[in-house]
N, C-alpha and C. Protein backbone atom coordinates (compact mmCIF):
# COMPACT_ATOMS: atom_id res chain seq x y z
N MET A 1 0.83 -1.22 0.04
CA MET A 1 0.12 0.00 0.18
C MET A 1 0.96 1.07 0.02
N ASN A 2 0.59 2.04 -0.91
CA ASN A 2 1.17 3.21 -1.01
C ASN A 2 0.55 4.35 -0.39
N PRO A 3 1.51 4.90 0.80
CA PRO A 3 0.92 6.08 1.66
C PRO A 3 0.68 7.22 0.88
N ILE A 4 1.35 7.44 -0.21
CA ILE A 4 1.05 9.00 -0.79
C ILE A 4 -0.17 8.78 -1.59
N LEU A 5 -0.41 7.41 -2.23
CA LEU A 5 -1.54 7.42 -2.95
C LEU A 5 -2.64 7.49 -2.08
N ALA A 6 -2.80 6.78 -1.04
CA ALA A 6 -3.80 6.84 0.11
C ALA A 6 -3.98 8.30 0.55
N LEU A 7 -2.91 8.98 0.96
CA LEU A 7 -3.21 10.55 1.50
C LEU A 7 -3.77 11.57 0.39
N GLY A 8 -3.39 11.13 -0.81
CA GLY A 8 -3.77 12.08 -1.94
C GLY A 8 -5.10 11.69 -2.23
N GLN A 9 -5.59 10.30 -2.14
CA GLN A 9 -6.99 10.37 -2.39
C GLN A 9 -7.81 10.67 -1.15
N ILE A 10 -7.42 10.80 0.12
CA ILE A 10 -8.07 11.43 1.15
C ILE A 10 -8.32 12.82 1.07
N ILE A 11 -7.15 13.43 0.71
CA ILE A 11 -7.21 14.87 0.22
C ILE A 11 -8.16 15.28 -0.94
N LEU A 12 -7.85 14.37 -1.66
CA LEU A 12 -9.21 14.83 -2.91
C LEU A 12 -10.58 14.39 -2.64
N SER A 13 -10.61 13.37 -1.66
CA SER A 13 -11.91 13.26 -1.52
C SER A 13 -12.63 14.47 -0.46
N ILE A 14 -11.76 15.00 0.42
CA ILE A 14 -12.59 16.07 1.25
C ILE A 14 -12.63 17.21 0.38
N ALA A 15 -11.66 17.52 -0.56
CA ALA A 15 -11.74 18.92 -1.27
C ALA A 15 -12.96 18.54 -2.13
N LEU A 16 -13.12 17.49 -2.74
CA LEU A 16 -14.23 17.07 -3.65
C LEU A 16 -15.81 17.11 -3.07
N ILE A 17 -15.91 16.68 -1.68
CA ILE A 17 -16.76 17.05 -0.97
C ILE A 17 -17.31 18.47 -0.77
N ALA A 18 -16.20 19.18 -0.04
CA ALA A 18 -16.23 20.68 -0.14
C ALA A 18 -16.84 21.29 -1.28
N ALA A 19 -16.11 20.92 -2.56
CA ALA A 19 -16.61 21.57 -3.73
C ALA A 19 -18.23 21.30 -4.30
N ILE A 20 -18.54 20.18 -3.79
CA ILE A 20 -20.03 19.61 -4.16
C ILE A 20 -20.75 20.47 -3.04
N LEU A 21 -20.70 20.52 -1.87
CA LEU A 21 -21.44 21.23 -0.83
C LEU A 21 -21.11 22.75 -0.96
N LEU A 22 -20.18 23.22 -1.82
CA LEU A 22 -20.47 24.86 -2.13
C LEU A 22 -21.42 25.26 -3.10
N GLN A 23 -22.01 24.03 -4.15
CA GLN A 23 -22.64 24.40 -5.10
C GLN A 23 -24.34 24.27 -4.87
N ALA A 24 -24.55 24.39 -3.59
CA ALA A 24 -25.77 24.06 -3.31
C ALA A 24 -26.93 24.93 -4.19
N ARG A 25 -27.61 24.71 -4.66
CA ARG A 25 -28.58 25.63 -5.65
C ARG A 25 -29.68 25.85 -4.84
N GLY A 26 -30.63 24.93 -4.53
CA GLY A 26 -31.70 25.33 -3.82
C GLY A 26 -31.67 25.45 -2.56
N THR A 27 -32.16 26.08 -1.77
CA THR A 27 -32.34 26.25 -0.43
C THR A 27 -33.61 25.85 0.45
N GLY A 28 -33.63 24.98 1.26
CA GLY A 28 -35.02 24.57 2.14
C GLY A 28 -35.56 23.13 1.33
N LEU A 29 -36.50 22.68 1.80
CA LEU A 29 -36.90 21.44 1.66
C LEU A 29 -37.28 21.38 0.09
N SER A 30 -37.86 22.47 -0.37
CA SER A 30 -38.47 22.63 -1.62
C SER A 30 -37.22 22.35 -3.03
N GLY A 31 -36.22 22.57 -2.73
CA GLY A 31 -35.07 22.49 -3.61
C GLY A 31 -34.22 20.83 -3.40
N THR A 32 -34.64 20.33 -2.22
CA THR A 32 -34.37 18.84 -1.97
C THR A 32 -35.28 18.02 -2.93
N PHE A 33 -36.57 18.28 -3.05
CA PHE A 33 -37.21 17.26 -3.50
C PHE A 33 -37.40 17.78 -5.06
N GLY A 34 -36.85 18.83 -5.52
CA GLY A 34 -36.84 19.35 -7.04
C GLY A 34 -37.99 20.24 -7.29
N GLY A 35 -38.54 20.82 -6.20
CA GLY A 35 -39.55 21.88 -6.38
C GLY A 35 -38.84 23.26 -6.42
N ASP A 36 -37.85 23.28 -6.91
CA ASP A 36 -37.26 24.68 -6.83
C ASP A 36 -37.75 25.49 -8.15
N SER A 37 -38.32 26.52 -7.67
CA SER A 37 -38.97 27.68 -9.13
C SER A 37 -37.95 28.38 -9.49
N ALA A 38 -36.68 28.17 -9.61
CA ALA A 38 -35.81 29.01 -10.09
C ALA A 38 -35.63 28.82 -11.45
N VAL A 39 -35.26 29.67 -12.34
CA VAL A 39 -35.53 29.69 -13.94
C VAL A 39 -34.16 29.15 -14.27
N TYR A 40 -34.18 28.09 -15.24
CA TYR A 40 -32.44 27.79 -15.38
C TYR A 40 -31.73 28.60 -16.14
N ARG A 41 -30.33 28.69 -15.63
CA ARG A 41 -29.43 29.75 -16.16
C ARG A 41 -28.23 29.11 -16.43
N SER A 42 -27.28 29.70 -17.38
CA SER A 42 -26.17 29.30 -17.35
C SER A 42 -25.11 29.86 -16.25
N ARG A 43 -23.99 28.98 -16.05
CA ARG A 43 -23.15 29.47 -14.91
C ARG A 43 -22.28 30.51 -15.50
N ARG A 44 -21.96 31.38 -14.69
CA ARG A 44 -21.12 32.42 -14.86
C ARG A 44 -20.17 32.71 -13.69
N GLY A 45 -19.20 33.40 -14.20
CA GLY A 45 -18.07 33.71 -12.93
C GLY A 45 -17.57 32.75 -11.88
N VAL A 46 -17.51 32.97 -10.77
CA VAL A 46 -17.18 31.93 -9.91
C VAL A 46 -17.84 30.78 -9.85
N GLU A 47 -19.14 31.03 -10.13
CA GLU A 47 -19.82 29.55 -10.09
C GLU A 47 -19.47 28.58 -11.26
N ARG A 48 -19.20 29.15 -12.33
CA ARG A 48 -18.51 28.29 -13.28
C ARG A 48 -17.21 27.82 -13.28
N ARG A 49 -16.30 28.71 -12.55
CA ARG A 49 -14.76 28.09 -12.10
C ARG A 49 -15.01 26.74 -11.04
N LEU A 50 -15.71 27.36 -10.30
CA LEU A 50 -16.16 26.34 -9.06
C LEU A 50 -16.84 24.81 -9.80
N TRP A 51 -17.64 24.92 -10.90
CA TRP A 51 -18.13 23.74 -11.63
C TRP A 51 -16.82 22.92 -12.19
N GLN A 52 -16.17 23.79 -12.96
CA GLN A 52 -14.84 23.12 -13.60
C GLN A 52 -14.03 22.74 -12.59
N PHE A 53 -13.86 23.32 -11.59
CA PHE A 53 -12.80 22.78 -10.45
C PHE A 53 -13.36 21.64 -9.89
N THR A 54 -14.67 21.45 -9.74
CA THR A 54 -15.25 20.05 -9.21
C THR A 54 -15.09 18.99 -10.27
N ILE A 55 -15.11 19.43 -11.36
CA ILE A 55 -14.83 18.15 -12.47
C ILE A 55 -13.49 18.06 -12.41
N LEU A 56 -12.72 18.87 -12.37
CA LEU A 56 -11.25 18.23 -12.31
C LEU A 56 -11.13 17.52 -11.23
N LEU A 57 -11.65 17.79 -9.88
CA LEU A 57 -11.26 17.04 -8.53
C LEU A 57 -12.16 15.78 -8.82
N MET A 58 -13.01 15.50 -9.31
CA MET A 58 -13.61 14.27 -9.63
C MET A 58 -13.12 13.24 -10.79
N VAL A 59 -12.41 13.91 -11.74
CA VAL A 59 -11.33 13.34 -12.81
C VAL A 59 -10.22 12.64 -11.87
N LEU A 60 -9.68 13.68 -11.38
CA LEU A 60 -8.31 13.34 -10.31
C LEU A 60 -8.48 12.32 -9.33
N PHE A 61 -9.95 12.23 -8.39
CA PHE A 61 -10.06 11.23 -7.74
C PHE A 61 -10.49 9.81 -8.39
N VAL A 62 -11.03 9.58 -9.42
CA VAL A 62 -10.91 8.61 -10.22
C VAL A 62 -9.72 7.87 -10.68
N VAL A 63 -8.93 8.90 -11.41
CA VAL A 63 -7.58 8.56 -11.55
C VAL A 63 -6.85 7.97 -10.40
N PHE A 64 -6.96 8.63 -9.06
CA PHE A 64 -6.30 7.97 -8.18
C PHE A 64 -6.69 6.71 -7.82
N ALA A 65 -7.78 6.42 -7.58
CA ALA A 65 -8.70 5.32 -7.54
C ALA A 65 -7.96 4.34 -8.43
N LEU A 66 -8.21 4.56 -9.70
CA LEU A 66 -7.68 3.59 -10.44
C LEU A 66 -6.15 3.15 -10.46
N ILE A 67 -5.23 4.06 -9.98
CA ILE A 67 -4.04 3.92 -9.68
C ILE A 67 -3.64 3.04 -8.55
N PHE A 68 -4.51 3.50 -7.45
CA PHE A 68 -4.39 2.66 -6.47
C PHE A 68 -5.03 1.28 -6.38
N TYR A 69 -5.86 1.12 -7.10
CA TYR A 69 -6.43 -0.40 -7.65
C TYR A 69 -5.47 -1.08 -8.28
N VAL A 70 -4.84 -0.47 -9.38
CA VAL A 70 -3.93 -1.39 -10.13
C VAL A 70 -2.69 -1.49 -9.30
N THR A 71 -1.90 -0.78 -8.53
CA THR A 71 -0.97 -0.95 -7.68
C THR A 71 -1.27 -1.89 -6.58
N GLN A 72 -2.38 -2.03 -6.29
CA GLN A 72 -2.64 -3.49 -5.30
C GLN A 72 -2.72 -4.78 -5.69
N GLY A 73 -3.13 -4.98 -6.88
CA GLY A 73 -3.05 -6.07 -7.71
C GLY A 73 -1.74 -6.47 -8.11
């Protein structure tokens, strides 16, 4: 077991969770069940950069998981 890969995956998972939680759109219970009345709009500015950063973190997490899997076998 490579401790650097394990630590990297833990750090990536925490960062990914934080990035996903920062993107909360709907507030309250209506947003939870899809009852959000907001009109669809495109992401702009900081919201767009956060979305791109979340995608990057997700890809890195999957890559780390695959590398970790391959090195274990």
